Amino acid sequence: MLNEHRVLLGQISTEQLESRTDGTAEEIMIAGPTTFRPNVEFQKVYDFFKTHKPETVWVTTSDGELVGLLHREDVERAEPRGEQPACMH
């Protein structure tokens, strides 16, 4: 969820949507999801994906403004070649 300034407020997973049929998005979202800044070294991002196994991780500015979204398959595909994946906008 984004506010009017494109600041990331939270995330709603498929599991949450399937388990809750009532309430507002704000009530069922995960507040403050894990994010990375655009200038974080790729190795740190790769290690996070390898350790925590998320499907996606948000990329935001220090003010919380959404910049992009990294997908697990893109990070895993980029690692062996030493490339950094482009964020999805």
PDB file of N, CA and C in Angstrom:
ATOM      1  N   MET A   1       0.834  -1.173   0.000  1.00  0.00           N
ATOM      2  CA  MET A   1       0.000   0.000   0.000  1.00  0.00           C
ATOM      3  C   MET A   1       0.881   1.238   0.000  1.00  0.00           C
ATOM      4  N   LEU A   2       0.505   2.188  -0.831  1.00  0.00           N
ATOM      5  CA  LEU A   2       1.212   3.461  -0.913  1.00  0.00           C
ATOM      6  C   LEU A   2       0.283   4.581  -0.494  1.00  0.00           C
ATOM      7  N   ASN A   3       0.871   5.625   0.094  1.00  0.00           N
ATOM      8  CA  ASN A   3       0.051   6.802   0.357  1.00  0.00           C
ATOM      9  C   ASN A   3       0.128   7.734  -0.856  1.00  0.00           C
ATOM     10  N   GLU A   4      -0.436   8.915  -0.734  1.00  0.00           N
ATOM     11  CA  GLU A   4      -0.491   9.846  -1.870  1.00  0.00           C
ATOM     12  C   GLU A   4       0.884  10.357  -2.303  1.00  0.00           C
ATOM     13  N   HIS A   5       1.913  10.153  -1.476  1.00  0.00           N
ATOM     14  CA  HIS A   5       3.278  10.577  -1.820  1.00  0.00           C
ATOM     15  C   HIS A   5       4.147   9.407  -2.282  1.00  0.00           C
ATOM     16  N   ARG A   6       3.508   8.286  -2.608  1.00  0.00           N
ATOM     17  CA  ARG A   6       4.186   7.057  -3.031  1.00  0.00           C
ATOM     18  C   ARG A   6       5.093   6.480  -1.945  1.00  0.00           C
ATOM     19  N   VAL A   7       4.746   6.733  -0.671  1.00  0.00           N
ATOM     20  CA  VAL A   7       5.481   6.158   0.444  1.00  0.00           C
ATOM     21  C   VAL A   7       4.864   4.802   0.761  1.00  0.00           C
ATOM     22  N   LEU A   8       5.716   3.792   0.835  1.00  0.00           N
ATOM     23  CA  LEU A   8       5.267   2.430   1.106  1.00  0.00           C
ATOM     24  C   LEU A   8       4.833   2.304   2.564  1.00  0.00           C
ATOM     25  N   LEU A   9       3.578   1.963   2.764  1.00  0.00           N
ATOM     26  CA  LEU A   9       3.025   1.822   4.109  1.00  0.00           C
ATOM     27  C   LEU A   9       2.965   0.374   4.567  1.00  0.00           C
ATOM     28  N   GLY A  10       2.753  -0.537   3.629  1.00  0.00           N
ATOM     29  CA  GLY A  10       2.636  -1.935   4.004  1.00  0.00           C
ATOM     30  C   GLY A  10       2.466  -2.831   2.799  1.00  0.00           C
ATOM     31  N   GLN A  11       2.342  -4.115   3.091  1.00  0.00           N
ATOM     32  CA  GLN A  11       2.262  -5.128   2.048  1.00  0.00           C
ATOM     33  C   GLN A  11       1.190  -6.141   2.432  1.00  0.00           C
ATOM     34  N   ILE A  12       0.462  -6.629   1.459  1.00  0.00           N
ATOM     35  CA  ILE A  12      -0.550  -7.653   1.697  1.00  0.00           C
ATOM     36  C   ILE A  12      -0.161  -8.889   0.897  1.00  0.00           C
ATOM     37  N   SER A  13      -0.011 -10.005   1.605  1.00  0.00           N
ATOM     38  CA  SER A  13       0.384 -11.248   0.943  1.00  0.00           C
ATOM     39  C   SER A  13      -0.849 -12.007   0.459  1.00  0.00           C
ATOM     40  N   THR A  14      -0.625 -12.940  -0.431  1.00  0.00           N
ATOM     41  CA  THR A  14      -1.696 -13.793  -0.929  1.00  0.00           C
ATOM     42  C   THR A  14      -2.336 -14.556   0.229  1.00  0.00           C
ATOM     43  N   GLU A  15      -1.516 -15.047   1.154  1.00  0.00           N
ATOM     44  CA  GLU A  15      -2.028 -15.790   2.300  1.00  0.00           C
ATOM     45  C   GLU A  15      -2.973 -14.928   3.140  1.00  0.00           C
ATOM     46  N   GLN A  16      -2.616 -13.665   3.316  1.00  0.00           N
ATOM     47  CA  GLN A  16      -3.473 -12.772   4.093  1.00  0.00           C
ATOM     48  C   GLN A  16      -4.808 -12.560   3.385  1.00  0.00           C
ATOM     49  N   LEU A  17      -4.770 -12.388   2.079  1.00  0.00           N
ATOM     50  CA  LEU A  17      -5.997 -12.193   1.317  1.00  0.00           C
ATOM     51  C   LEU A  17      -6.884 -13.431   1.370  1.00  0.00           C
ATOM     52  N   GLU A  18      -6.279 -14.604   1.323  1.00  0.00           N
ATOM     53  CA  GLU A  18      -7.042 -15.847   1.351  1.00  0.00           C
ATOM     54  C   GLU A  18      -7.640 -16.136   2.726  1.00  0.00           C
ATOM     55  N   SER A  19      -6.967 -15.676   3.793  1.00  0.00           N
ATOM     56  CA  SER A  19      -7.443 -15.981   5.139  1.00  0.00           C
ATOM     57  C   SER A  19      -8.393 -14.933   5.711  1.00  0.00           C
ATOM     58  N   ARG A  20      -8.420 -13.738   5.121  1.00  0.00           N
ATOM     59  CA  ARG A  20      -9.288 -12.670   5.621  1.00  0.00           C
ATOM     60  C   ARG A  20     -10.241 -12.229   4.532  1.00  0.00           C
ATOM     61  N   THR A  21     -11.509 -12.283   4.822  1.00  0.00           N
ATOM     62  CA  THR A  21     -12.496 -11.811   3.854  1.00  0.00           C
ATOM     63  C   THR A  21     -13.192 -10.549   4.347  1.00  0.00           C
ATOM     64  N   ASP A  22     -12.814 -10.093   5.527  1.00  0.00           N
ATOM     65  CA  ASP A  22     -13.409  -8.875   6.068  1.00  0.00           C
ATOM     66  C   ASP A  22     -12.302  -7.907   6.477  1.00  0.00           C
ATOM     67  N   GLY A  23     -12.671  -6.681   6.757  1.00  0.00           N
ATOM     68  CA  GLY A  23     -11.703  -5.689   7.192  1.00  0.00           C
ATOM     69  C   GLY A  23     -11.142  -4.879   6.043  1.00  0.00           C
ATOM     70  N   THR A  24     -10.381  -3.890   6.402  1.00  0.00           N
ATOM     71  CA  THR A  24      -9.772  -3.004   5.416  1.00  0.00           C
ATOM     72  C   THR A  24      -8.374  -3.489   5.070  1.00  0.00           C
ATOM     73  N   ALA A  25      -7.839  -2.972   3.988  1.00  0.00           N
ATOM     74  CA  ALA A  25      -6.472  -3.303   3.592  1.00  0.00           C
ATOM     75  C   ALA A  25      -5.499  -2.929   4.713  1.00  0.00           C
ATOM     76  N   GLU A  26      -5.736  -1.796   5.342  1.00  0.00           N
ATOM     77  CA  GLU A  26      -4.855  -1.347   6.426  1.00  0.00           C
ATOM     78  C   GLU A  26      -4.857  -2.337   7.592  1.00  0.00           C
ATOM     79  N   GLU A  27      -5.994  -2.966   7.848  1.00  0.00           N
ATOM     80  CA  GLU A  27      -6.103  -3.913   8.960  1.00  0.00           C
ATOM     81  C   GLU A  27      -5.398  -5.235   8.691  1.00  0.00           C
ATOM     82  N   ILE A  28      -5.291  -5.635   7.433  1.00  0.00           N
ATOM     83  CA  ILE A  28      -4.687  -6.940   7.148  1.00  0.00           C
ATOM     84  C   ILE A  28      -3.264  -6.855   6.603  1.00  0.00           C
ATOM     85  N   MET A  29      -2.788  -5.670   6.288  1.00  0.00           N
ATOM     86  CA  MET A  29      -1.450  -5.545   5.706  1.00  0.00           C
ATOM     87  C   MET A  29      -0.359  -5.762   6.747  1.00  0.00           C
ATOM     88  N   ILE A  30       0.818  -6.127   6.252  1.00  0.00           N
ATOM     89  CA  ILE A  30       2.021  -6.187   7.062  1.00  0.00           C
ATOM     90  C   ILE A  30       2.613  -4.783   7.028  1.00  0.00           C
ATOM     91  N   ALA A  31       2.584  -4.096   8.152  1.00  0.00           N
ATOM     92  CA  ALA A  31       3.129  -2.738   8.203  1.00  0.00           C
ATOM     93  C   ALA A  31       4.654  -2.795   8.208  1.00  0.00           C
ATOM     94  N   GLY A  32       5.260  -1.819   7.539  1.00  0.00           N
ATOM     95  CA  GLY A  32       6.712  -1.718   7.534  1.00  0.00           C
ATOM     96  C   GLY A  32       7.429  -2.924   6.966  1.00  0.00           C
ATOM     97  N   PRO A  33       7.121  -3.330   5.726  1.00  0.00           N
ATOM     98  CA  PRO A  33       7.818  -4.486   5.145  1.00  0.00           C
ATOM     99  C   PRO A  33       9.307  -4.190   4.948  1.00  0.00           C
ATOM    100  N   THR A  34      10.096  -5.246   4.841  1.00  0.00           N
ATOM    101  CA  THR A  34      11.532  -5.100   4.603  1.00  0.00           C
ATOM    102  C   THR A  34      11.764  -4.372   3.292  1.00  0.00           C
ATOM    103  N   THR A  35      12.664  -3.398   3.316  1.00  0.00           N
ATOM    104  CA  THR A  35      13.001  -2.640   2.111  1.00  0.00           C
ATOM    105  C   THR A  35      14.516  -2.497   1.999  1.00  0.00           C
ATOM    106  N   PHE A  36      14.956  -2.187   0.795  1.00  0.00           N
ATOM    107  CA  PHE A  36      16.356  -1.856   0.546  1.00  0.00           C
ATOM    108  C   PHE A  36      16.422  -0.504  -0.139  1.00  0.00           C
ATOM    109  N   ARG A  37      17.487   0.210   0.073  1.00  0.00           N
ATOM    110  CA  ARG A  37      17.728   1.480  -0.614  1.00  0.00           C
ATOM    111  C   ARG A  37      18.368   1.171  -1.970  1.00  0.00           C
ATOM    112  N   PRO A  38      18.208   2.061  -2.939  1.00  0.00           N
ATOM    113  CA  PRO A  38      18.775   1.821  -4.270  1.00  0.00           C
ATOM    114  C   PRO A  38      20.296   1.667  -4.280  1.00  0.00           C
ATOM    115  N   ASN A  39      20.983   2.229  -3.306  1.00  0.00           N
ATOM    116  CA  ASN A  39      22.454   2.196  -3.309  1.00  0.00           C
ATOM    117  C   ASN A  39      23.054   1.044  -2.508  1.00  0.00           C
ATOM    118  N   VAL A  40      22.235   0.105  -2.026  1.00  0.00           N
ATOM    119  CA  VAL A  40      22.746  -1.039  -1.261  1.00  0.00           C
ATOM    120  C   VAL A  40      23.500  -1.978  -2.200  1.00  0.00           C
ATOM    121  N   GLU A  41      24.629  -2.488  -1.732  1.00  0.00           N
ATOM    122  CA  GLU A  41      25.420  -3.402  -2.557  1.00  0.00           C
ATOM    123  C   GLU A  41      24.616  -4.665  -2.868  1.00  0.00           C
ATOM    124  N   PHE A  42      24.747  -5.119  -4.109  1.00  0.00           N
ATOM    125  CA  PHE A  42      23.985  -6.281  -4.558  1.00  0.00           C
ATOM    126  C   PHE A  42      24.252  -7.515  -3.709  1.00  0.00           C
ATOM    127  N   GLN A  43      25.474  -7.712  -3.254  1.00  0.00           N
ATOM    128  CA  GLN A  43      25.785  -8.897  -2.445  1.00  0.00           C
ATOM    129  C   GLN A  43      24.922  -8.942  -1.187  1.00  0.00           C
ATOM    130  N   LYS A  44      24.677  -7.795  -0.587  1.00  0.00           N
ATOM    131  CA  LYS A  44      23.829  -7.739   0.613  1.00  0.00           C
ATOM    132  C   LYS A  44      22.393  -8.146   0.271  1.00  0.00           C
ATOM    133  N   VAL A  45      21.897  -7.669  -0.848  1.00  0.00           N
ATOM    134  CA  VAL A  45      20.548  -8.036  -1.298  1.00  0.00           C
ATOM    135  C   VAL A  45      20.493  -9.535  -1.586  1.00  0.00           C
ATOM    136  N   TYR A  46      21.483 -10.049  -2.298  1.00  0.00           N
ATOM    137  CA  TYR A  46      21.527 -11.470  -2.627  1.00  0.00           C
ATOM    138  C   TYR A  46      21.556 -12.322  -1.358  1.00  0.00           C
ATOM    139  N   ASP A  47      22.392 -11.937  -0.396  1.00  0.00           N
ATOM    140  CA  ASP A  47      22.485 -12.682   0.858  1.00  0.00           C
ATOM    141  C   ASP A  47      21.151 -12.674   1.605  1.00  0.00           C
ATOM    142  N   PHE A  48      20.445 -11.555   1.580  1.00  0.00           N
ATOM    143  CA  PHE A  48      19.140 -11.476   2.229  1.00  0.00           C
ATOM    144  C   PHE A  48      18.161 -12.451   1.585  1.00  0.00           C
ATOM    145  N   PHE A  49      18.117 -12.470   0.259  1.00  0.00           N
ATOM    146  CA  PHE A  49      17.218 -13.390  -0.452  1.00  0.00           C
ATOM    147  C   PHE A  49      17.585 -14.840  -0.147  1.00  0.00           C
ATOM    148  N   LYS A  50      18.861 -15.126  -0.080  1.00  0.00           N
ATOM    149  CA  LYS A  50      19.312 -16.492   0.174  1.00  0.00           C
ATOM    150  C   LYS A  50      18.974 -16.931   1.600  1.00  0.00           C
ATOM    151  N   THR A  51      19.101 -16.037   2.557  1.00  0.00           N
ATOM    152  CA  THR A  51      18.867 -16.352   3.962  1.00  0.00           C
ATOM    153  C   THR A  51      17.392 -16.371   4.329  1.00  0.00           C
ATOM    154  N   HIS A  52      16.647 -15.364   3.897  1.00  0.00           N
ATOM    155  CA  HIS A  52      15.263 -15.197   4.337  1.00  0.00           C
ATOM    156  C   HIS A  52      14.226 -15.746   3.356  1.00  0.00           C
ATOM    157  N   LYS A  53      14.619 -15.999   2.129  1.00  0.00           N
ATOM    158  CA  LYS A  53      13.760 -16.609   1.106  1.00  0.00           C
ATOM    159  C   LYS A  53      12.465 -15.858   0.781  1.00  0.00           C
ATOM    160  N   PRO A  54      12.492 -14.518   0.712  1.00  0.00           N
ATOM    161  CA  PRO A  54      11.270 -13.815   0.299  1.00  0.00           C
ATOM    162  C   PRO A  54      11.072 -13.968  -1.204  1.00  0.00           C
ATOM    163  N   GLU A  55       9.862 -13.791  -1.662  1.00  0.00           N
ATOM    164  CA  GLU A  55       9.601 -13.798  -3.104  1.00  0.00           C
ATOM    165  C   GLU A  55       9.930 -12.442  -3.712  1.00  0.00           C
ATOM    166  N   THR A  56       9.706 -11.379  -2.937  1.00  0.00           N
ATOM    167  CA  THR A  56       9.976 -10.018  -3.408  1.00  0.00           C
ATOM    168  C   THR A  56      10.492  -9.165  -2.256  1.00  0.00           C
ATOM    169  N   VAL A  57      11.202  -8.101  -2.603  1.00  0.00           N
ATOM    170  CA  VAL A  57      11.636  -7.095  -1.633  1.00  0.00           C
ATOM    171  C   VAL A  57      11.486  -5.730  -2.296  1.00  0.00           C
ATOM    172  N   TRP A  58      10.917  -4.805  -1.558  1.00  0.00           N
ATOM    173  CA  TRP A  58      10.692  -3.444  -2.053  1.00  0.00           C
ATOM    174  C   TRP A  58      11.980  -2.635  -2.009  1.00  0.00           C
ATOM    175  N   VAL A  59      12.131  -1.713  -2.947  1.00  0.00           N
ATOM    176  CA  VAL A  59      13.240  -0.768  -2.975  1.00  0.00           C
ATOM    177  C   VAL A  59      12.636   0.614  -2.781  1.00  0.00           C
ATOM    178  N   THR A  60      13.102   1.324  -1.744  1.00  0.00           N
ATOM    179  CA  THR A  60      12.555   2.639  -1.422  1.00  0.00           C
ATOM    180  C   THR A  60      13.672   3.625  -1.132  1.00  0.00           C
ATOM    181  N   THR A  61      13.337   4.907  -1.222  1.00  0.00           N
ATOM    182  CA  THR A  61      14.276   5.951  -0.822  1.00  0.00           C
ATOM    183  C   THR A  61      14.325   5.996   0.694  1.00  0.00           C
ATOM    184  N   SER A  62      15.218   6.805   1.257  1.00  0.00           N
ATOM    185  CA  SER A  62      15.300   6.933   2.712  1.00  0.00           C
ATOM    186  C   SER A  62      14.036   7.551   3.297  1.00  0.00           C
ATOM    187  N   ASP A  63      13.234   8.210   2.470  1.00  0.00           N
ATOM    188  CA  ASP A  63      11.963   8.779   2.912  1.00  0.00           C
ATOM    189  C   ASP A  63      10.812   7.785   2.761  1.00  0.00           C
ATOM    190  N   GLY A  64      11.114   6.578   2.281  1.00  0.00           N
ATOM    191  CA  GLY A  64      10.093   5.552   2.127  1.00  0.00           C
ATOM    192  C   GLY A  64       9.371   5.560   0.796  1.00  0.00           C
ATOM    193  N   GLU A  65       9.793   6.441  -0.128  1.00  0.00           N
ATOM    194  CA  GLU A  65       9.131   6.508  -1.434  1.00  0.00           C
ATOM    195  C   GLU A  65       9.511   5.292  -2.272  1.00  0.00           C
ATOM    196  N   LEU A  66       8.512   4.660  -2.841  1.00  0.00           N
ATOM    197  CA  LEU A  66       8.730   3.451  -3.627  1.00  0.00           C
ATOM    198  C   LEU A  66       9.526   3.751  -4.895  1.00  0.00           C
ATOM    199  N   VAL A  67      10.570   2.958  -5.106  1.00  0.00           N
ATOM    200  CA  VAL A  67      11.403   3.075  -6.302  1.00  0.00           C
ATOM    201  C   VAL A  67      11.198   1.861  -7.193  1.00  0.00           C
ATOM    202  N   GLY A  68      11.083   0.678  -6.582  1.00  0.00           N
ATOM    203  CA  GLY A  68      10.925  -0.529  -7.382  1.00  0.00           C
ATOM    204  C   GLY A  68      10.718  -1.755  -6.524  1.00  0.00           C
ATOM    205  N   LEU A  69      10.741  -2.896  -7.185  1.00  0.00           N
ATOM    206  CA  LEU A  69      10.495  -4.175  -6.548  1.00  0.00           C
ATOM    207  C   LEU A  69      11.472  -5.192  -7.118  1.00  0.00           C
ATOM    208  N   LEU A  70      12.174  -5.898  -6.234  1.00  0.00           N
ATOM    209  CA  LEU A  70      13.086  -6.951  -6.664  1.00  0.00           C
ATOM    210  C   LEU A  70      12.397  -8.295  -6.492  1.00  0.00           C
ATOM    211  N   HIS A  71      12.502  -9.134  -7.513  1.00  0.00           N
ATOM    212  CA  HIS A  71      11.917 -10.473  -7.475  1.00  0.00           C
ATOM    213  C   HIS A  71      13.018 -11.501  -7.252  1.00  0.00           C
ATOM    214  N   ARG A  72      12.704 -12.521  -6.469  1.00  0.00           N
ATOM    215  CA  ARG A  72      13.661 -13.574  -6.146  1.00  0.00           C
ATOM    216  C   ARG A  72      14.316 -14.149  -7.403  1.00  0.00           C
ATOM    217  N   GLU A  73      13.529 -14.502  -8.401  1.00  0.00           N
ATOM    218  CA  GLU A  73      14.091 -15.139  -9.596  1.00  0.00           C
ATOM    219  C   GLU A  73      15.072 -14.222 -10.321  1.00  0.00           C
ATOM    220  N   ASP A  74      14.839 -12.920 -10.301  1.00  0.00           N
ATOM    221  CA  ASP A  74      15.765 -11.983 -10.941  1.00  0.00           C
ATOM    222  C   ASP A  74      17.081 -11.895 -10.173  1.00  0.00           C
ATOM    223  N   VAL A  75      16.987 -11.874  -8.852  1.00  0.00           N
ATOM    224  CA  VAL A  75      18.192 -11.813  -8.019  1.00  0.00           C
ATOM    225  C   VAL A  75      19.007 -13.087  -8.188  1.00  0.00           C
ATOM    226  N   GLU A  76      18.336 -14.235  -8.152  1.00  0.00           N
ATOM    227  CA  GLU A  76      19.041 -15.509  -8.311  1.00  0.00           C
ATOM    228  C   GLU A  76      19.652 -15.650  -9.696  1.00  0.00           C
ATOM    229  N   ARG A  77      18.964 -15.174 -10.705  1.00  0.00           N
ATOM    230  CA  ARG A  77      19.470 -15.256 -12.083  1.00  0.00           C
ATOM    231  C   ARG A  77      20.691 -14.355 -12.265  1.00  0.00           C
ATOM    232  N   ALA A  78      20.720 -13.209 -11.604  1.00  0.00           N
ATOM    233  CA  ALA A  78      21.805 -12.250 -11.776  1.00  0.00           C
ATOM    234  C   ALA A  78      23.064 -12.646 -11.029  1.00  0.00           C
ATOM    235  N   GLU A  79      22.955 -13.351  -9.938  1.00  0.00           N
ATOM    236  CA  GLU A  79      24.101 -13.647  -9.085  1.00  0.00           C
ATOM    237  C   GLU A  79      25.240 -14.383  -9.771  1.00  0.00           C
ATOM    238  N   PRO A  80      25.013 -15.476 -10.478  1.00  0.00           N
ATOM    239  CA  PRO A  80      26.143 -16.207 -11.053  1.00  0.00           C
ATOM    240  C   PRO A  80      26.951 -15.388 -12.046  1.00  0.00           C
ATOM    241  N   ARG A  81      26.351 -14.457 -12.709  1.00  0.00           N
ATOM    242  CA  ARG A  81      27.067 -13.640 -13.692  1.00  0.00           C
ATOM    243  C   ARG A  81      27.606 -12.366 -13.076  1.00  0.00           C
ATOM    244  N   GLY A  82      27.280 -12.123 -11.805  1.00  0.00           N
ATOM    245  CA  GLY A  82      27.765 -10.922 -11.145  1.00  0.00           C
ATOM    246  C   GLY A  82      27.030  -9.666 -11.579  1.00  0.00           C
ATOM    247  N   GLU A  83      25.851  -9.814 -12.167  1.00  0.00           N
ATOM    248  CA  GLU A  83      25.085  -8.661 -12.614  1.00  0.00           C
ATOM    249  C   GLU A  83      24.104  -8.241 -11.538  1.00  0.00           C
ATOM    250  N   GLN A  84      23.690  -6.981 -11.592  1.00  0.00           N
ATOM    251  CA  GLN A  84      22.677  -6.507 -10.674  1.00  0.00           C
ATOM    252  C   GLN A  84      21.359  -6.401 -11.442  1.00  0.00           C
ATOM    253  N   PRO A  85      20.289  -7.015 -10.901  1.00  0.00           N
ATOM    254  CA  PRO A  85      19.002  -6.942 -11.611  1.00  0.00           C
ATOM    255  C   PRO A  85      18.410  -5.552 -11.586  1.00  0.00           C
ATOM    256  N   ALA A  86      17.683  -5.228 -12.626  1.00  0.00           N
ATOM    257  CA  ALA A  86      16.971  -3.957 -12.656  1.00  0.00           C
ATOM    258  C   ALA A  86      15.721  -4.089 -11.802  1.00  0.00           C
ATOM    259  N   CYS A  87      15.393  -3.032 -11.067  1.00  0.00           N
ATOM    260  CA  CYS A  87      14.164  -3.031 -10.279  1.00  0.00           C
ATOM    261  C   CYS A  87      12.989  -2.933 -11.227  1.00  0.00           C
ATOM    262  N   MET A  88      11.899  -3.573 -10.840  1.00  0.00           N
ATOM    263  CA  MET A  88      10.672  -3.461 -11.596  1.00  0.00           C
ATOM    264  C   MET A  88       9.972  -2.199 -11.167  1.00  0.00           C
ATOM    265  N   HIS A  89       9.585  -1.369 -12.097  1.00  0.00           N
ATOM    266  CA  HIS A  89       8.888  -0.109 -11.758  1.00  0.00           C
ATOM    267  C   HIS A  89       7.423  -0.252 -12.033  1.00  0.00           C
TER     268      HIS A  89
END
